[in-house]
Amino acid sequence: MGSSVYPINKGINQSIEFKGLKAQYIWYLGGGVVILMILFAVLYIAGIPSLICIGLIGASGALLVFKIYRMSHKYGEYGMMKALAKKQIPKCIKVYSRAVFAKI
């Protein structure tokens, strides 16, 4: 069995990139795979036939990889965090009393 060498491109002040995934998306994909393995074990122990378990986990895994790669290409290294932060900003601030402005 030969050893595989995977290049991890990292320059000075550059984020880690592995097979097209950037920064935190590598961790998201790894966490998703661990969750799918646990789900497979739970389904198998629950008595669901193994072919159905494999099909369900395989389809979920393919969807997971597709979504993670799409988010990585759409948002980049920090874009998703910026998009989530932008949603937290209120559209407007309403003040129904002048007491705030009348304080001396």
C-alpha atoms as a PDB file:
ATOM      1  CA  MET A   1       0.000   0.000   0.000  1.00  0.00           C
ATOM      2  CA  GLY A   2       1.613   3.249  -1.120  1.00  0.00           C
ATOM      3  CA  SER A   3       1.434   6.436   0.805  1.00  0.00           C
ATOM      4  CA  SER A   4      -0.544   9.330  -0.643  1.00  0.00           C
ATOM      5  CA  VAL A   5       0.870  12.811  -0.632  1.00  0.00           C
ATOM      6  CA  TYR A   6      -1.628  15.653  -0.606  1.00  0.00           C
ATOM      7  CA  PRO A   7      -0.216  19.123  -1.153  1.00  0.00           C
ATOM      8  CA  ILE A   8      -1.514  21.798   1.200  1.00  0.00           C
ATOM      9  CA  ASN A   9      -0.952  25.190  -0.359  1.00  0.00           C
ATOM     10  CA  LYS A  10      -0.076  27.725   2.291  1.00  0.00           C
ATOM     11  CA  GLY A  11       1.940  30.836   1.660  1.00  0.00           C
ATOM     12  CA  ILE A  12       2.794  33.738   3.877  1.00  0.00           C
ATOM     13  CA  ASN A  13      -0.414  35.286   5.265  1.00  0.00           C
ATOM     14  CA  GLN A  14      -2.540  32.940   3.165  1.00  0.00           C
ATOM     15  CA  SER A  15      -5.323  30.694   4.421  1.00  0.00           C
ATOM     16  CA  ILE A  16      -5.083  26.931   4.144  1.00  0.00           C
ATOM     17  CA  GLU A  17      -6.553  25.481   0.949  1.00  0.00           C
ATOM     18  CA  PHE A  18      -7.056  21.757   0.397  1.00  0.00           C
ATOM     19  CA  LYS A  19      -8.484  20.423  -2.850  1.00  0.00           C
ATOM     20  CA  GLY A  20     -10.359  23.680  -3.464  1.00  0.00           C
ATOM     21  CA  LEU A  21     -11.748  24.065   0.064  1.00  0.00           C
ATOM     22  CA  LYS A  22     -10.671  27.184   1.874  1.00  0.00           C
ATOM     23  CA  ALA A  23     -10.134  27.898   5.585  1.00  0.00           C
ATOM     24  CA  GLN A  24     -13.026  26.850   7.851  1.00  0.00           C
ATOM     25  CA  TYR A  25     -14.842  24.826   5.174  1.00  0.00           C
ATOM     26  CA  ILE A  26     -12.285  22.024   5.653  1.00  0.00           C
ATOM     27  CA  TRP A  27     -13.485  21.733   9.265  1.00  0.00           C
ATOM     28  CA  TYR A  28     -17.140  21.877   8.206  1.00  0.00           C
ATOM     29  CA  LEU A  29     -16.627  18.980   5.796  1.00  0.00           C
ATOM     30  CA  GLY A  30     -14.728  16.942   8.395  1.00  0.00           C
ATOM     31  CA  GLY A  31     -17.432  17.512  11.007  1.00  0.00           C
ATOM     32  CA  GLY A  32     -20.133  16.559   8.523  1.00  0.00           C
ATOM     33  CA  VAL A  33     -18.365  13.302   7.677  1.00  0.00           C
ATOM     34  CA  VAL A  34     -18.061  12.415  11.375  1.00  0.00           C
ATOM     35  CA  ILE A  35     -21.774  13.122  11.889  1.00  0.00           C
ATOM     36  CA  LEU A  36     -22.652  10.944   8.876  1.00  0.00           C
ATOM     37  CA  MET A  37     -20.547   8.072  10.264  1.00  0.00           C
ATOM     38  CA  ILE A  38     -22.355   8.311  13.609  1.00  0.00           C
ATOM     39  CA  LEU A  39     -25.718   8.434  11.816  1.00  0.00           C
ATOM     40  CA  PHE A  40     -24.796   5.321   9.829  1.00  0.00           C
ATOM     41  CA  ALA A  41     -23.899   3.477  13.034  1.00  0.00           C
ATOM     42  CA  VAL A  42     -27.175   4.506  14.690  1.00  0.00           C
ATOM     43  CA  LEU A  43     -29.248   3.434  11.672  1.00  0.00           C
ATOM     44  CA  TYR A  44     -27.413   0.110  11.402  1.00  0.00           C
ATOM     45  CA  ILE A  45     -27.804  -0.639  15.110  1.00  0.00           C
ATOM     46  CA  ALA A  46     -31.507   0.299  14.868  1.00  0.00           C
ATOM     47  CA  GLY A  47     -31.961  -2.611  12.449  1.00  0.00           C
ATOM     48  CA  ILE A  48     -32.351  -0.801   9.141  1.00  0.00           C
ATOM     49  CA  PRO A  49     -30.956  -2.907   6.256  1.00  0.00           C
ATOM     50  CA  SER A  50     -27.366  -2.043   5.386  1.00  0.00           C
ATOM     51  CA  LEU A  51     -28.082  -1.220   1.717  1.00  0.00           C
ATOM     52  CA  ILE A  52     -30.645   1.385   2.740  1.00  0.00           C
ATOM     53  CA  CYS A  53     -28.184   2.815   5.285  1.00  0.00           C
ATOM     54  CA  ILE A  54     -25.438   3.014   2.673  1.00  0.00           C
ATOM     55  CA  GLY A  55     -27.748   4.628   0.133  1.00  0.00           C
ATOM     56  CA  LEU A  56     -29.062   7.190   2.609  1.00  0.00           C
ATOM     57  CA  ILE A  57     -25.621   8.089   3.968  1.00  0.00           C
ATOM     58  CA  GLY A  58     -24.112   8.138   0.458  1.00  0.00           C
ATOM     59  CA  ALA A  59     -26.762  10.545  -0.818  1.00  0.00           C
ATOM     60  CA  SER A  60     -26.425  12.717   2.286  1.00  0.00           C
ATOM     61  CA  GLY A  61     -22.640  12.715   1.928  1.00  0.00           C
ATOM     62  CA  ALA A  62     -22.816  13.743  -1.717  1.00  0.00           C
ATOM     63  CA  LEU A  63     -25.201  16.576  -0.811  1.00  0.00           C
ATOM     64  CA  LEU A  64     -22.893  17.639   2.026  1.00  0.00           C
ATOM     65  CA  VAL A  65     -19.821  17.769  -0.228  1.00  0.00           C
ATOM     66  CA  PHE A  66     -21.739  19.655  -2.925  1.00  0.00           C
ATOM     67  CA  LYS A  67     -23.059  22.254  -0.458  1.00  0.00           C
ATOM     68  CA  ILE A  68     -19.697  22.757   1.292  1.00  0.00           C
ATOM     69  CA  TYR A  69     -17.827  23.243  -1.995  1.00  0.00           C
ATOM     70  CA  ARG A  70     -20.524  25.634  -3.194  1.00  0.00           C
ATOM     71  CA  MET A  71     -20.283  27.712  -0.004  1.00  0.00           C
ATOM     72  CA  SER A  72     -16.488  27.717  -0.245  1.00  0.00           C
ATOM     73  CA  HIS A  73     -16.562  29.058  -3.794  1.00  0.00           C
ATOM     74  CA  LYS A  74     -19.403  31.512  -3.149  1.00  0.00           C
ATOM     75  CA  TYR A  75     -18.217  33.103   0.086  1.00  0.00           C
ATOM     76  CA  GLY A  76     -14.491  32.472   0.182  1.00  0.00           C
ATOM     77  CA  GLU A  77     -12.438  32.631   3.364  1.00  0.00           C
ATOM     78  CA  TYR A  78     -14.400  35.185   5.412  1.00  0.00           C
ATOM     79  CA  GLY A  79     -17.440  35.903   3.249  1.00  0.00           C
ATOM     80  CA  MET A  80     -19.898  33.622   5.027  1.00  0.00           C
ATOM     81  CA  MET A  81     -19.108  35.164   8.415  1.00  0.00           C
ATOM     82  CA  LYS A  82     -19.556  38.621   6.901  1.00  0.00           C
ATOM     83  CA  ALA A  83     -22.897  37.619   5.368  1.00  0.00           C
ATOM     84  CA  LEU A  84     -24.133  36.240   8.695  1.00  0.00           C
ATOM     85  CA  ALA A  85     -22.981  39.384  10.516  1.00  0.00           C
ATOM     86  CA  LYS A  86     -24.730  41.607   7.962  1.00  0.00           C
ATOM     87  CA  LYS A  87     -28.038  39.848   8.666  1.00  0.00           C
ATOM     88  CA  GLN A  88     -27.715  40.773  12.356  1.00  0.00           C
ATOM     89  CA  ILE A  89     -27.668  44.530  11.659  1.00  0.00           C
ATOM     90  CA  PRO A  90     -31.127  46.099  12.127  1.00  0.00           C
ATOM     91  CA  LYS A  91     -32.660  47.771   9.078  1.00  0.00           C
ATOM     92  CA  CYS A  92     -33.774  50.796  11.070  1.00  0.00           C
ATOM     93  CA  ILE A  93     -33.943  52.077  14.632  1.00  0.00           C
ATOM     94  CA  LYS A  94     -37.280  53.488  15.821  1.00  0.00           C
ATOM     95  CA  VAL A  95     -37.482  55.879  18.750  1.00  0.00           C
ATOM     96  CA  TYR A  96     -40.978  56.815  19.913  1.00  0.00           C
ATOM     97  CA  SER A  97     -39.922  59.234  22.618  1.00  0.00           C
ATOM     98  CA  ARG A  98     -37.932  62.466  22.529  1.00  0.00           C
ATOM     99  CA  ALA A  99     -36.646  61.846  26.034  1.00  0.00           C
ATOM    100  CA  VAL A 100     -33.430  60.358  24.664  1.00  0.00           C
ATOM    101  CA  PHE A 101     -32.619  63.616  22.845  1.00  0.00           C
ATOM    102  CA  ALA A 102     -33.879  65.990  25.585  1.00  0.00           C
ATOM    103  CA  LYS A 103     -31.463  64.879  28.312  1.00  0.00           C
ATOM    104  CA  ILE A 104     -29.255  67.668  29.590  1.00  0.00           C
END
